[in-house]
Amino acid sequence: MCTPEFYTMSLRARLKNGLKTMLVWEHKQQVKQLKQGQTMAMLILNGKKAGLAQIRESVMALRAQGHTLEVRCTWESGDVKRFVNEAIELNITRVIAGGGDGTVNEVAVAIMQLAMKTPSAIELAILPLGTANDFATACQIPTEIEAALALAVTGNAKSIDMAQANDNYFINVASAGFGAQVTVDTPVELKDLLGGQAYFISGLVQALNFSPYQGQISATLANGDKIDLQGEGLLGAICNGRLAGGGQNLAPNALLNDGLLDVFLVKHFPTSALKHVVDELKQPIVNGEFVNRFQVTEIILDSEQALPVNLDGEPTAALQHKITVLPNAIKLVCPDNCPVIQ
C-alpha cells in the first residue's frame, strides 16, 4: 500500500526530472541558435575567487557578444566532477577552469575520466587565478581576466597529453621528494603574500633540515631503451609542462603533445658542491654529476620509505609510483603560437 509520503516524493522526483529535461531542451535550442564564431561554454570557478568583480564584468561582456557562458562555483569536494557532468548533459563543448594549477588539474582530470567512459567533445580552457599559474604561464595564456576569458571562449583547441601516476592523474608536473614537500608545506598565507616566490623561500628554509630519499628509478626512454638509477635523491620532477614551484623552469624543452614526459632529477649533494649544482641547473640539456634530465614514456619510482609525490598540488605518498604518459588525452584551448605545443 502506498503512503501519502510516497506520492509526495514521487511528485518531487517527477518535477525535478521535468525541470532537468526542460533545461537540457533549452540549451539544445541555444546551441542551434548560435551564430558562427559564438561559443557555448561553462566557467567552473574556484569558490575562493567568486567575489572578483572583474570576472562578473567580463562574463557579462561575453554574453552581450552572443556567447552562452554558464558559471558554476565550487564549494566542496566533488563539485568539479559534477559540473563537468552537467556540462555534458547540457551539450556544452568547452569548460573553463577558473583558478590555480590545482583547479586546472582537477577540471582536466574530470574531463579526461569522463571521456574514458563516454566519448565527449568537451575542451579545456583556463582562466588563471592562482598563486603561481605555472601551467597557464608556460602556455602563454593571458593573466589579465578579460583577455584570458576572451581566449577561453574564442580560442582554438589542440590535443595535448596528460599523465597517470598510480591511480591518479596530472596535467602539469609530478614533484617528488623535496619538491613535493615544499609544495605541500608552503603556507597559504605566504603564497598569498609573495606569489611564486613563496615556494623558493619555503624551499630554502626546508632544505636545511631535509633528509634525502634512498631508492631506485626504472624508466623507458623516448627511444624505447630501459634505464635504471639508484642512490640518494633530493629532488625529482616528472614534467608534462615546463614550469612548477612558482615559475621554476624545470623542463625547458617539454612539449604538451610529444607523447613524452621530461624528467628532472637532483641527486643529494654536499654543501661544498652547491655552486657546481647551480651551474648544472643552468644548463638544461646537460646531464651532470648531480643533475640529470631525460625524456620518458614511463617511469617507476621505488623508495625504501613512503615517497611524497605532489600531483599539481594534490599530495600523495607511496613506496612505489608508476607514472605513464597518456598521449592526446584532452583538448586544450591555447594561443595559436603556444610555445609548448609543436
C-alpha atoms as a PDB file:
ATOM      1  CA  MET A   1       0.000   0.000   0.000  1.00  0.00           C
ATOM      2  CA  CYS A   2       1.355   3.416  -0.998  1.00  0.00           C
ATOM      3  CA  THR A   3       1.516   6.103   1.663  1.00  0.00           C
ATOM      4  CA  PRO A   4       0.935   9.855   1.084  1.00  0.00           C
ATOM      5  CA  GLU A   5       4.707  10.327   1.526  1.00  0.00           C
ATOM      6  CA  PHE A   6       5.264   8.018  -1.466  1.00  0.00           C
ATOM      7  CA  TYR A   7       3.107  10.158  -3.716  1.00  0.00           C
ATOM      8  CA  THR A   8       4.761  13.369  -2.438  1.00  0.00           C
ATOM      9  CA  MET A   9       8.274  12.011  -3.097  1.00  0.00           C
ATOM     10  CA  SER A  10       7.227  10.699  -6.468  1.00  0.00           C
ATOM     11  CA  LEU A  11       5.845  14.120  -7.432  1.00  0.00           C
ATOM     12  CA  ARG A  12       9.019  15.863  -6.298  1.00  0.00           C
ATOM     13  CA  ALA A  13      11.111  13.430  -8.317  1.00  0.00           C
ATOM     14  CA  ARG A  14       8.941  13.989 -11.391  1.00  0.00           C
ATOM     15  CA  LEU A  15       9.201  17.777 -11.004  1.00  0.00           C
ATOM     16  CA  LYS A  16      12.973  17.568 -10.607  1.00  0.00           C
ATOM     17  CA  ASN A  17      13.346  15.353 -13.666  1.00  0.00           C
ATOM     18  CA  GLY A  18      10.959  17.541 -15.622  1.00  0.00           C
ATOM     19  CA  LEU A  19      12.946  20.696 -14.773  1.00  0.00           C
ATOM     20  CA  LYS A  20      16.195  18.982 -15.740  1.00  0.00           C
ATOM     21  CA  THR A  21      14.697  17.850 -19.071  1.00  0.00           C
ATOM     22  CA  MET A  22      13.444  21.364 -19.743  1.00  0.00           C
ATOM     23  CA  LEU A  23      16.881  22.904 -19.048  1.00  0.00           C
ATOM     24  CA  VAL A  24      18.569  20.416 -21.378  1.00  0.00           C
ATOM     25  CA  TRP A  25      16.000  21.174 -24.104  1.00  0.00           C
ATOM     26  CA  GLU A  26      16.533  24.931 -23.683  1.00  0.00           C
ATOM     27  CA  HIS A  27      20.278  24.538 -24.018  1.00  0.00           C
ATOM     28  CA  LYS A  28      19.886  22.449 -27.167  1.00  0.00           C
ATOM     29  CA  GLN A  29      17.806  25.260 -28.651  1.00  0.00           C
ATOM     30  CA  GLN A  30      20.538  27.740 -27.694  1.00  0.00           C
ATOM     31  CA  VAL A  31      23.115  25.590 -29.478  1.00  0.00           C
ATOM     32  CA  LYS A  32      21.004  25.676 -32.656  1.00  0.00           C
ATOM     33  CA  GLN A  33      20.742  29.472 -32.418  1.00  0.00           C
ATOM     34  CA  LEU A  34      24.476  30.119 -32.000  1.00  0.00           C
ATOM     35  CA  LYS A  35      25.929  32.126 -34.851  1.00  0.00           C
ATOM     36  CA  GLN A  36      29.326  31.485 -36.411  1.00  0.00           C
ATOM     37  CA  GLY A  37      32.100  32.489 -34.002  1.00  0.00           C
ATOM     38  CA  GLN A  38      29.868  32.214 -30.928  1.00  0.00           C
ATOM     39  CA  THR A  39      30.610  29.651 -28.222  1.00  0.00           C
ATOM     40  CA  MET A  40      28.705  27.733 -25.571  1.00  0.00           C
ATOM     41  CA  ALA A  41      30.919  27.276 -22.508  1.00  0.00           C
ATOM     42  CA  MET A  42      30.854  26.712 -18.749  1.00  0.00           C
ATOM     43  CA  LEU A  43      33.159  28.541 -16.336  1.00  0.00           C
ATOM     44  CA  ILE A  44      33.929  26.383 -13.288  1.00  0.00           C
ATOM     45  CA  LEU A  45      35.187  28.945 -10.806  1.00  0.00           C
ATOM     46  CA  ASN A  46      37.143  28.206  -7.642  1.00  0.00           C
ATOM     47  CA  GLY A  47      34.771  29.357  -4.896  1.00  0.00           C
ATOM     48  CA  LYS A  48      37.501  31.467  -3.276  1.00  0.00           C
ATOM     49  CA  LYS A  49      37.585  33.668  -6.395  1.00  0.00           C
ATOM     50  CA  ALA A  50      33.832  34.024  -6.870  1.00  0.00           C
ATOM     51  CA  GLY A  51      33.706  37.578  -5.485  1.00  0.00           C
ATOM     52  CA  LEU A  52      36.018  39.162  -8.069  1.00  0.00           C
ATOM     53  CA  ALA A  53      34.020  41.912  -9.788  1.00  0.00           C
ATOM     54  CA  GLN A  54      36.144  41.793 -12.939  1.00  0.00           C
ATOM     55  CA  ILE A  55      35.129  38.204 -13.583  1.00  0.00           C
ATOM     56  CA  ARG A  56      31.452  39.139 -13.453  1.00  0.00           C
ATOM     57  CA  GLU A  57      32.039  42.115 -15.774  1.00  0.00           C
ATOM     58  CA  SER A  58      33.969  40.012 -18.284  1.00  0.00           C
ATOM     59  CA  VAL A  59      31.351  37.250 -18.271  1.00  0.00           C
ATOM     60  CA  MET A  60      28.552  39.761 -18.890  1.00  0.00           C
ATOM     61  CA  ALA A  61      30.530  41.353 -21.737  1.00  0.00           C
ATOM     62  CA  LEU A  62      30.995  37.992 -23.456  1.00  0.00           C
ATOM     63  CA  ARG A  63      27.307  37.184 -23.050  1.00  0.00           C
ATOM     64  CA  ALA A  64      26.483  40.533 -24.639  1.00  0.00           C
ATOM     65  CA  GLN A  65      28.535  39.437 -27.662  1.00  0.00           C
ATOM     66  CA  GLY A  66      26.225  36.448 -28.093  1.00  0.00           C
ATOM     67  CA  HIS A  67      28.275  33.768 -26.342  1.00  0.00           C
ATOM     68  CA  THR A  68      26.457  31.411 -23.968  1.00  0.00           C
ATOM     69  CA  LEU A  69      28.540  31.242 -20.793  1.00  0.00           C
ATOM     70  CA  GLU A  70      27.302  29.305 -17.785  1.00  0.00           C
ATOM     71  CA  VAL A  71      29.045  29.917 -14.432  1.00  0.00           C
ATOM     72  CA  ARG A  72      29.414  27.422 -11.593  1.00  0.00           C
ATOM     73  CA  CYS A  73      31.313  27.983  -8.318  1.00  0.00           C
ATOM     74  CA  THR A  74      32.911  25.167  -6.340  1.00  0.00           C
ATOM     75  CA  TRP A  75      32.123  24.773  -2.663  1.00  0.00           C
ATOM     76  CA  GLU A  76      33.096  21.251  -1.660  1.00  0.00           C
ATOM     77  CA  SER A  77      34.820  18.106  -2.865  1.00  0.00           C
ATOM     78  CA  GLY A  78      33.176  16.548  -5.907  1.00  0.00           C
ATOM     79  CA  ASP A  79      31.755  19.792  -7.292  1.00  0.00           C
ATOM     80  CA  VAL A  80      34.112  19.908 -10.292  1.00  0.00           C
ATOM     81  CA  LYS A  81      33.240  16.409 -11.480  1.00  0.00           C
ATOM     82  CA  ARG A  82      29.532  17.114 -11.004  1.00  0.00           C
ATOM     83  CA  PHE A  83      29.755  20.360 -13.002  1.00  0.00           C
ATOM     84  CA  VAL A  84      31.630  18.666 -15.855  1.00  0.00           C
ATOM     85  CA  ASN A  85      28.896  16.009 -15.932  1.00  0.00           C
ATOM     86  CA  GLU A  86      26.319  18.780 -16.073  1.00  0.00           C
ATOM     87  CA  ALA A  87      28.176  20.427 -18.953  1.00  0.00           C
ATOM     88  CA  ILE A  88      27.962  17.192 -20.938  1.00  0.00           C
ATOM     89  CA  GLU A  89      24.222  16.908 -20.274  1.00  0.00           C
ATOM     90  CA  LEU A  90      23.743  20.499 -21.456  1.00  0.00           C
ATOM     91  CA  ASN A  91      25.701  19.858 -24.677  1.00  0.00           C
ATOM     92  CA  ILE A  92      28.355  22.352 -23.627  1.00  0.00           C
ATOM     93  CA  THR A  93      31.575  21.711 -25.527  1.00  0.00           C
ATOM     94  CA  ARG A  94      34.044  23.898 -23.632  1.00  0.00           C
ATOM     95  CA  VAL A  95      34.760  24.057 -19.881  1.00  0.00           C
ATOM     96  CA  ILE A  96      36.858  26.887 -18.431  1.00  0.00           C
ATOM     97  CA  ALA A  97      38.866  26.178 -15.261  1.00  0.00           C
ATOM     98  CA  GLY A  98      38.898  29.370 -13.199  1.00  0.00           C
ATOM     99  CA  GLY A  99      41.561  29.053 -10.501  1.00  0.00           C
ATOM    100  CA  GLY A 100      45.162  27.996  -9.924  1.00  0.00           C
ATOM    101  CA  ASP A 101      47.112  24.951 -11.067  1.00  0.00           C
ATOM    102  CA  GLY A 102      45.171  22.683  -8.702  1.00  0.00           C
ATOM    103  CA  THR A 103      41.830  23.761 -10.173  1.00  0.00           C
ATOM    104  CA  VAL A 104      43.143  23.363 -13.722  1.00  0.00           C
ATOM    105  CA  ASN A 105      44.291  19.830 -12.958  1.00  0.00           C
ATOM    106  CA  GLU A 106      41.033  18.884 -11.233  1.00  0.00           C
ATOM    107  CA  VAL A 107      38.952  20.035 -14.210  1.00  0.00           C
ATOM    108  CA  ALA A 108      41.315  18.375 -16.703  1.00  0.00           C
ATOM    109  CA  VAL A 109      41.179  15.071 -14.826  1.00  0.00           C
ATOM    110  CA  ALA A 110      37.372  15.194 -14.622  1.00  0.00           C
ATOM    111  CA  ILE A 111      37.129  15.798 -18.389  1.00  0.00           C
ATOM    112  CA  MET A 112      39.572  13.005 -19.188  1.00  0.00           C
ATOM    113  CA  GLN A 113      37.977  10.449 -16.865  1.00  0.00           C
ATOM    114  CA  LEU A 114      34.517  11.102 -18.292  1.00  0.00           C
ATOM    115  CA  ALA A 115      35.880  10.844 -21.829  1.00  0.00           C
ATOM    116  CA  MET A 116      37.274   7.396 -20.926  1.00  0.00           C
ATOM    117  CA  LYS A 117      33.752   6.215 -20.087  1.00  0.00           C
ATOM    118  CA  THR A 118      31.745   8.093 -22.705  1.00  0.00           C
ATOM    119  CA  PRO A 119      33.110   9.784 -25.838  1.00  0.00           C
ATOM    120  CA  SER A 120      32.991  13.529 -25.220  1.00  0.00           C
ATOM    121  CA  ALA A 121      33.854  16.626 -27.245  1.00  0.00           C
ATOM    122  CA  ILE A 122      34.496  18.806 -24.186  1.00  0.00           C
ATOM    123  CA  GLU A 123      37.555  21.056 -24.424  1.00  0.00           C
ATOM    124  CA  LEU A 124      39.522  22.582 -21.541  1.00  0.00           C
ATOM    125  CA  ALA A 125      40.178  26.325 -21.304  1.00  0.00           C
ATOM    126  CA  ILE A 126      41.854  28.248 -18.484  1.00  0.00           C
ATOM    127  CA  LEU A 127      41.233  31.440 -16.511  1.00  0.00           C
ATOM    128  CA  PRO A 128      44.415  31.749 -14.382  1.00  0.00           C
ATOM    129  CA  LEU A 129      43.544  32.886 -10.858  1.00  0.00           C
ATOM    130  CA  GLY A 130      46.116  31.096  -8.674  1.00  0.00           C
ATOM    131  CA  THR A 131      49.320  31.965  -6.864  1.00  0.00           C
ATOM    132  CA  ALA A 132      51.781  30.751  -9.492  1.00  0.00           C
ATOM    133  CA  ASN A 133      49.665  29.684 -12.506  1.00  0.00           C
ATOM    134  CA  ASP A 134      52.622  27.651 -13.746  1.00  0.00           C
ATOM    135  CA  PHE A 135      50.758  25.648 -16.387  1.00  0.00           C
ATOM    136  CA  ALA A 136      48.948  28.649 -17.868  1.00  0.00           C
ATOM    137  CA  THR A 137      52.115  30.756 -17.820  1.00  0.00           C
ATOM    138  CA  ALA A 138      54.063  28.149 -19.782  1.00  0.00           C
ATOM    139  CA  CYS A 139      51.227  28.088 -22.346  1.00  0.00           C
ATOM    140  CA  GLN A 140      51.344  31.921 -22.530  1.00  0.00           C
ATOM    141  CA  ILE A 141      47.677  32.178 -21.565  1.00  0.00           C
ATOM    142  CA  PRO A 142      46.993  35.789 -20.528  1.00  0.00           C
ATOM    143  CA  THR A 143      46.931  36.531 -16.804  1.00  0.00           C
ATOM    144  CA  GLU A 144      44.567  39.504 -17.243  1.00  0.00           C
ATOM    145  CA  ILE A 145      40.999  38.312 -16.614  1.00  0.00           C
ATOM    146  CA  GLU A 146      39.293  39.905 -19.613  1.00  0.00           C
ATOM    147  CA  ALA A 147      41.928  38.700 -22.096  1.00  0.00           C
ATOM    148  CA  ALA A 148      42.069  35.210 -20.578  1.00  0.00           C
ATOM    149  CA  LEU A 149      38.297  34.757 -20.752  1.00  0.00           C
ATOM    150  CA  ALA A 150      38.208  36.070 -24.321  1.00  0.00           C
ATOM    151  CA  LEU A 151      40.811  33.471 -25.326  1.00  0.00           C
ATOM    152  CA  ALA A 152      38.985  30.775 -23.357  1.00  0.00           C
ATOM    153  CA  VAL A 153      35.763  31.436 -25.253  1.00  0.00           C
ATOM    154  CA  THR A 154      37.058  32.201 -28.763  1.00  0.00           C
ATOM    155  CA  GLY A 155      40.458  30.434 -28.981  1.00  0.00           C
ATOM    156  CA  ASN A 156      41.301  27.235 -30.810  1.00  0.00           C
ATOM    157  CA  ALA A 157      41.765  23.904 -29.033  1.00  0.00           C
ATOM    158  CA  LYS A 158      44.573  21.411 -29.643  1.00  0.00           C
ATOM    159  CA  SER A 159      45.119  17.873 -28.370  1.00  0.00           C
ATOM    160  CA  ILE A 160      47.600  17.515 -25.511  1.00  0.00           C
ATOM    161  CA  ASP A 161      48.976  14.740 -23.322  1.00  0.00           C
ATOM    162  CA  MET A 162      48.296  14.032 -19.666  1.00  0.00           C
ATOM    163  CA  ALA A 163      49.932  11.578 -17.281  1.00  0.00           C
ATOM    164  CA  GLN A 164      48.823   8.822 -14.934  1.00  0.00           C
ATOM    165  CA  ALA A 165      50.515   8.316 -11.560  1.00  0.00           C
ATOM    166  CA  ASN A 166      49.340   5.046  -9.984  1.00  0.00           C
ATOM    167  CA  ASP A 167      45.564   5.585  -9.786  1.00  0.00           C
ATOM    168  CA  ASN A 168      45.777   9.390 -10.100  1.00  0.00           C
ATOM    169  CA  TYR A 169      46.366  11.814 -12.966  1.00  0.00           C
ATOM    170  CA  PHE A 170      48.050  15.155 -13.622  1.00  0.00           C
ATOM    171  CA  ILE A 171      48.354  17.669 -16.448  1.00  0.00           C
ATOM    172  CA  ASN A 172      51.483  19.624 -15.480  1.00  0.00           C
ATOM    173  CA  VAL A 173      54.091  18.272 -13.050  1.00  0.00           C
ATOM    174  CA  ALA A 174      54.565  15.499 -10.513  1.00  0.00           C
ATOM    175  CA  SER A 175      57.174  16.645  -7.986  1.00  0.00           C
ATOM    176  CA  ALA A 176      58.832  14.024  -5.798  1.00  0.00           C
ATOM    177  CA  GLY A 177      60.823  14.090  -2.575  1.00  0.00           C
ATOM    178  CA  PHE A 178      61.954  17.534  -1.507  1.00  0.00           C
ATOM    179  CA  GLY A 179      59.991  19.251  -4.291  1.00  0.00           C
ATOM    180  CA  ALA A 180      56.747  17.665  -3.130  1.00  0.00           C
ATOM    181  CA  GLN A 181      57.453  18.622   0.487  1.00  0.00           C
ATOM    182  CA  VAL A 182      57.999  22.289  -0.440  1.00  0.00           C
ATOM    183  CA  THR A 183      54.703  22.464  -2.350  1.00  0.00           C
ATOM    184  CA  VAL A 184      52.705  20.896   0.475  1.00  0.00           C
ATOM    185  CA  ASP A 185      54.353  22.732   3.388  1.00  0.00           C
ATOM    186  CA  THR A 186      54.364  26.256   1.933  1.00  0.00           C
ATOM    187  CA  PRO A 187      51.742  28.154   3.993  1.00  0.00           C
ATOM    188  CA  VAL A 188      48.734  29.601   2.132  1.00  0.00           C
ATOM    189  CA  GLU A 189      49.354  32.976   3.779  1.00  0.00           C
ATOM    190  CA  LEU A 190      52.909  33.046   2.416  1.00  0.00           C
ATOM    191  CA  LYS A 191      51.696  32.152  -1.084  1.00  0.00           C
ATOM    192  CA  ASP A 192      49.068  34.888  -0.990  1.00  0.00           C
ATOM    193  CA  LEU A 193      51.635  37.448   0.177  1.00  0.00           C
ATOM    194  CA  LEU A 194      54.597  36.609  -2.057  1.00  0.00           C
ATOM    195  CA  GLY A 195      53.138  34.689  -5.002  1.00  0.00           C
ATOM    196  CA  GLY A 196      55.547  32.301  -6.736  1.00  0.00           C
ATOM    197  CA  GLN A 197      58.492  33.500  -4.622  1.00  0.00           C
ATOM    198  CA  ALA A 198      56.863  31.822  -1.619  1.00  0.00           C
ATOM    199  CA  TYR A 199      57.875  28.380  -2.915  1.00  0.00           C
ATOM    200  CA  PHE A 200      61.503  29.456  -3.285  1.00  0.00           C
ATOM    201  CA  ILE A 201      61.678  30.986   0.206  1.00  0.00           C
ATOM    202  CA  SER A 202      59.921  27.995   1.777  1.00  0.00           C
ATOM    203  CA  GLY A 203      62.297  25.669  -0.063  1.00  0.00           C
ATOM    204  CA  LEU A 204      65.387  27.378   1.280  1.00  0.00           C
ATOM    205  CA  VAL A 205      64.115  27.067   4.836  1.00  0.00           C
ATOM    206  CA  GLN A 206      63.142  23.389   4.498  1.00  0.00           C
ATOM    207  CA  ALA A 207      66.329  22.358   2.682  1.00  0.00           C
ATOM    208  CA  LEU A 208      68.342  22.953   5.847  1.00  0.00           C
ATOM    209  CA  ASN A 209      66.588  20.049   7.578  1.00  0.00           C
ATOM    210  CA  PHE A 210      65.856  17.752   4.644  1.00  0.00           C
ATOM    211  CA  SER A 211      66.909  14.089   4.630  1.00  0.00           C
ATOM    212  CA  PRO A 212      67.332  12.576   1.134  1.00  0.00           C
ATOM    213  CA  TYR A 213      65.304   9.577  -0.028  1.00  0.00           C
ATOM    214  CA  GLN A 214      67.043   6.280  -0.814  1.00  0.00           C
ATOM    215  CA  GLY A 215      65.551   4.469  -3.762  1.00  0.00           C
ATOM    216  CA  GLN A 216      65.604   3.233  -7.337  1.00  0.00           C
ATOM    217  CA  ILE A 217      64.290   4.577 -10.630  1.00  0.00           C
ATOM    218  CA  SER A 218      63.365   2.483 -13.673  1.00  0.00           C
ATOM    219  CA  ALA A 219      62.324   4.215 -16.886  1.00  0.00           C
ATOM    220  CA  THR A 220      61.508   3.688 -20.559  1.00  0.00           C
ATOM    221  CA  LEU A 221      63.248   6.369 -22.623  1.00  0.00           C
ATOM    222  CA  ALA A 222      61.895   8.123 -25.710  1.00  0.00           C
ATOM    223  CA  ASN A 223      63.767   5.684 -27.989  1.00  0.00           C
ATOM    224  CA  GLY A 224      62.424   2.646 -26.118  1.00  0.00           C
ATOM    225  CA  ASP A 225      65.618   1.904 -24.178  1.00  0.00           C
ATOM    226  CA  LYS A 226      65.362   0.996 -20.474  1.00  0.00           C
ATOM    227  CA  ILE A 227      67.451   2.606 -17.738  1.00  0.00           C
ATOM    228  CA  ASP A 228      67.863   2.010 -14.015  1.00  0.00           C
ATOM    229  CA  LEU A 229      69.219   4.519 -11.487  1.00  0.00           C
ATOM    230  CA  GLN A 230      69.859   4.031  -7.787  1.00  0.00           C
ATOM    231  CA  GLY A 231      71.007   6.239  -4.909  1.00  0.00           C
ATOM    232  CA  GLU A 232      70.037   9.137  -2.660  1.00  0.00           C
ATOM    233  CA  GLY A 233      67.712  11.696  -4.209  1.00  0.00           C
ATOM    234  CA  LEU A 234      66.987  15.247  -3.123  1.00  0.00           C
ATOM    235  CA  LEU A 235      64.531  16.444  -5.745  1.00  0.00           C
ATOM    236  CA  GLY A 236      62.649  14.942  -8.654  1.00  0.00           C
ATOM    237  CA  ALA A 237      60.079  16.198 -11.122  1.00  0.00           C
ATOM    238  CA  ILE A 238      58.258  14.377 -13.906  1.00  0.00           C
ATOM    239  CA  CYS A 239      57.006  17.077 -16.228  1.00  0.00           C
ATOM    240  CA  ASN A 240      54.317  17.248 -18.879  1.00  0.00           C
ATOM    241  CA  GLY A 241      54.518  21.052 -18.788  1.00  0.00           C
ATOM    242  CA  ARG A 242      57.590  23.239 -18.282  1.00  0.00           C
ATOM    243  CA  LEU A 243      57.084  25.291 -15.112  1.00  0.00           C
ATOM    244  CA  ALA A 244      56.489  24.388 -11.464  1.00  0.00           C
ATOM    245  CA  GLY A 245      57.003  25.741  -7.961  1.00  0.00           C
ATOM    246  CA  GLY A 246      56.214  29.356  -8.769  1.00  0.00           C
ATOM    247  CA  GLY A 247      57.810  29.768 -12.205  1.00  0.00           C
ATOM    248  CA  GLN A 248      60.803  27.433 -11.892  1.00  0.00           C
ATOM    249  CA  ASN A 249      61.671  26.239 -15.417  1.00  0.00           C
ATOM    250  CA  LEU A 250      62.193  22.569 -14.602  1.00  0.00           C
ATOM    251  CA  ALA A 251      61.699  21.237 -18.139  1.00  0.00           C
ATOM    252  CA  PRO A 252      62.566  23.981 -20.665  1.00  0.00           C
ATOM    253  CA  ASN A 253      62.240  21.616 -23.630  1.00  0.00           C
ATOM    254  CA  ALA A 254      58.961  19.957 -22.621  1.00  0.00           C
ATOM    255  CA  LEU A 255      56.079  19.869 -25.100  1.00  0.00           C
ATOM    256  CA  LEU A 256      52.476  19.065 -24.237  1.00  0.00           C
ATOM    257  CA  ASN A 257      51.814  16.968 -27.327  1.00  0.00           C
ATOM    258  CA  ASP A 258      55.012  14.978 -27.931  1.00  0.00           C
ATOM    259  CA  GLY A 259      53.918  11.786 -26.158  1.00  0.00           C
ATOM    260  CA  LEU A 260      56.763  12.165 -23.655  1.00  0.00           C
ATOM    261  CA  LEU A 261      57.402  13.227 -20.065  1.00  0.00           C
ATOM    262  CA  ASP A 262      60.501  15.257 -19.200  1.00  0.00           C
ATOM    263  CA  VAL A 263      62.285  14.028 -16.063  1.00  0.00           C
ATOM    264  CA  PHE A 264      64.374  16.330 -13.877  1.00  0.00           C
ATOM    265  CA  LEU A 265      66.419  14.802 -11.046  1.00  0.00           C
ATOM    266  CA  VAL A 266      68.776  16.316  -8.477  1.00  0.00           C
ATOM    267  CA  LYS A 267      70.901  13.865  -6.501  1.00  0.00           C
ATOM    268  CA  HIS A 268      71.841  14.506  -2.906  1.00  0.00           C
ATOM    269  CA  PHE A 269      74.955  16.700  -2.739  1.00  0.00           C
ATOM    270  CA  PRO A 270      77.281  18.117  -0.057  1.00  0.00           C
ATOM    271  CA  THR A 271      77.136  21.813   0.795  1.00  0.00           C
ATOM    272  CA  SER A 272      80.570  22.274  -0.800  1.00  0.00           C
ATOM    273  CA  ALA A 273      79.095  21.269  -4.201  1.00  0.00           C
ATOM    274  CA  LEU A 274      76.321  23.885  -4.190  1.00  0.00           C
ATOM    275  CA  LYS A 275      77.937  26.116  -6.831  1.00  0.00           C
ATOM    276  CA  HIS A 276      78.584  23.096  -9.037  1.00  0.00           C
ATOM    277  CA  VAL A 277      74.924  22.059  -8.762  1.00  0.00           C
ATOM    278  CA  VAL A 278      73.735  25.578  -9.627  1.00  0.00           C
ATOM    279  CA  ASP A 279      75.976  25.570 -12.708  1.00  0.00           C
ATOM    280  CA  GLU A 280      74.466  22.263 -13.815  1.00  0.00           C
ATOM    281  CA  LEU A 281      70.944  23.585 -13.269  1.00  0.00           C
ATOM    282  CA  LYS A 282      71.693  26.495 -15.619  1.00  0.00           C
ATOM    283  CA  GLN A 283      72.438  24.070 -18.464  1.00  0.00           C
ATOM    284  CA  PRO A 284      69.073  22.489 -19.359  1.00  0.00           C
ATOM    285  CA  ILE A 285      70.431  19.973 -21.886  1.00  0.00           C
ATOM    286  CA  VAL A 286      73.343  18.679 -19.819  1.00  0.00           C
ATOM    287  CA  ASN A 287      73.421  15.578 -17.599  1.00  0.00           C
ATOM    288  CA  GLY A 288      75.906  16.337 -14.875  1.00  0.00           C
ATOM    289  CA  GLU A 289      77.287  14.840 -11.723  1.00  0.00           C
ATOM    290  CA  PHE A 290      74.269  15.821  -9.627  1.00  0.00           C
ATOM    291  CA  VAL A 291      71.586  16.904 -12.142  1.00  0.00           C
ATOM    292  CA  ASN A 292      70.012  14.540 -14.688  1.00  0.00           C
ATOM    293  CA  ARG A 293      67.451  15.302 -17.392  1.00  0.00           C
ATOM    294  CA  PHE A 294      65.884  12.794 -19.792  1.00  0.00           C
ATOM    295  CA  GLN A 295      62.594  12.057 -21.567  1.00  0.00           C
ATOM    296  CA  VAL A 296      60.450   9.000 -20.902  1.00  0.00           C
ATOM    297  CA  THR A 297      57.161   7.363 -21.766  1.00  0.00           C
ATOM    298  CA  GLU A 298      57.060   5.676 -18.369  1.00  0.00           C
ATOM    299  CA  ILE A 299      58.969   5.906 -15.101  1.00  0.00           C
ATOM    300  CA  ILE A 300      58.759   3.925 -11.857  1.00  0.00           C
ATOM    301  CA  LEU A 301      59.990   5.381  -8.565  1.00  0.00           C
ATOM    302  CA  ASP A 302      60.738   2.876  -5.782  1.00  0.00           C
ATOM    303  CA  SER A 303      61.723   4.097  -2.320  1.00  0.00           C
ATOM    304  CA  GLU A 304      62.662   2.428   0.953  1.00  0.00           C
ATOM    305  CA  GLN A 305      60.275   4.788   2.764  1.00  0.00           C
ATOM    306  CA  ALA A 306      56.996   6.293   1.609  1.00  0.00           C
ATOM    307  CA  LEU A 307      57.954   8.830  -1.046  1.00  0.00           C
ATOM    308  CA  PRO A 308      55.845  12.027  -1.161  1.00  0.00           C
ATOM    309  CA  VAL A 309      54.772  12.941  -4.688  1.00  0.00           C
ATOM    310  CA  ASN A 310      52.745  16.063  -5.406  1.00  0.00           C
ATOM    311  CA  LEU A 311      50.480  15.964  -8.463  1.00  0.00           C
ATOM    312  CA  ASP A 312      49.710  19.575  -9.429  1.00  0.00           C
ATOM    313  CA  GLY A 313      49.050  20.438  -5.806  1.00  0.00           C
ATOM    314  CA  GLU A 314      47.492  17.110  -4.782  1.00  0.00           C
ATOM    315  CA  PRO A 315      49.752  15.325  -2.252  1.00  0.00           C
ATOM    316  CA  THR A 316      50.235  11.558  -2.416  1.00  0.00           C
ATOM    317  CA  ALA A 317      52.708   9.146  -0.820  1.00  0.00           C
ATOM    318  CA  ALA A 318      53.653   5.537  -1.602  1.00  0.00           C
ATOM    319  CA  LEU A 319      56.585   3.140  -1.700  1.00  0.00           C
ATOM    320  CA  GLN A 320      56.188   2.916  -5.473  1.00  0.00           C
ATOM    321  CA  HIS A 321      54.949   5.453  -8.022  1.00  0.00           C
ATOM    322  CA  LYS A 322      54.361   4.342 -11.616  1.00  0.00           C
ATOM    323  CA  ILE A 323      53.967   7.342 -13.917  1.00  0.00           C
ATOM    324  CA  THR A 324      52.936   6.938 -17.562  1.00  0.00           C
ATOM    325  CA  VAL A 325      52.238   9.452 -20.326  1.00  0.00           C
ATOM    326  CA  LEU A 326      48.709   9.468 -21.838  1.00  0.00           C
ATOM    327  CA  PRO A 327      49.056  10.862 -25.380  1.00  0.00           C
ATOM    328  CA  ASN A 328      46.312  13.131 -26.779  1.00  0.00           C
ATOM    329  CA  ALA A 329      44.225  12.729 -23.618  1.00  0.00           C
ATOM    330  CA  ILE A 330      42.280  16.003 -23.832  1.00  0.00           C
ATOM    331  CA  LYS A 331      41.966  19.173 -25.919  1.00  0.00           C
ATOM    332  CA  LEU A 332      43.303  22.480 -24.554  1.00  0.00           C
ATOM    333  CA  VAL A 333      42.375  25.998 -25.673  1.00  0.00           C
ATOM    334  CA  CYS A 334      45.596  27.982 -26.047  1.00  0.00           C
ATOM    335  CA  PRO A 335      47.138  30.797 -28.089  1.00  0.00           C
ATOM    336  CA  ASP A 336      47.892  29.914 -31.713  1.00  0.00           C
ATOM    337  CA  ASN A 337      51.615  30.469 -31.076  1.00  0.00           C
ATOM    338  CA  CYS A 338      51.685  28.439 -27.837  1.00  0.00           C
ATOM    339  CA  PRO A 339      55.365  27.547 -27.227  1.00  0.00           C
ATOM    340  CA  VAL A 340      54.664  24.222 -25.510  1.00  0.00           C
ATOM    341  CA  ILE A 341      52.728  22.735 -28.437  1.00  0.00           C
ATOM    342  CA  GLN A 342      54.545  21.577 -31.564  1.00  0.00           C
END
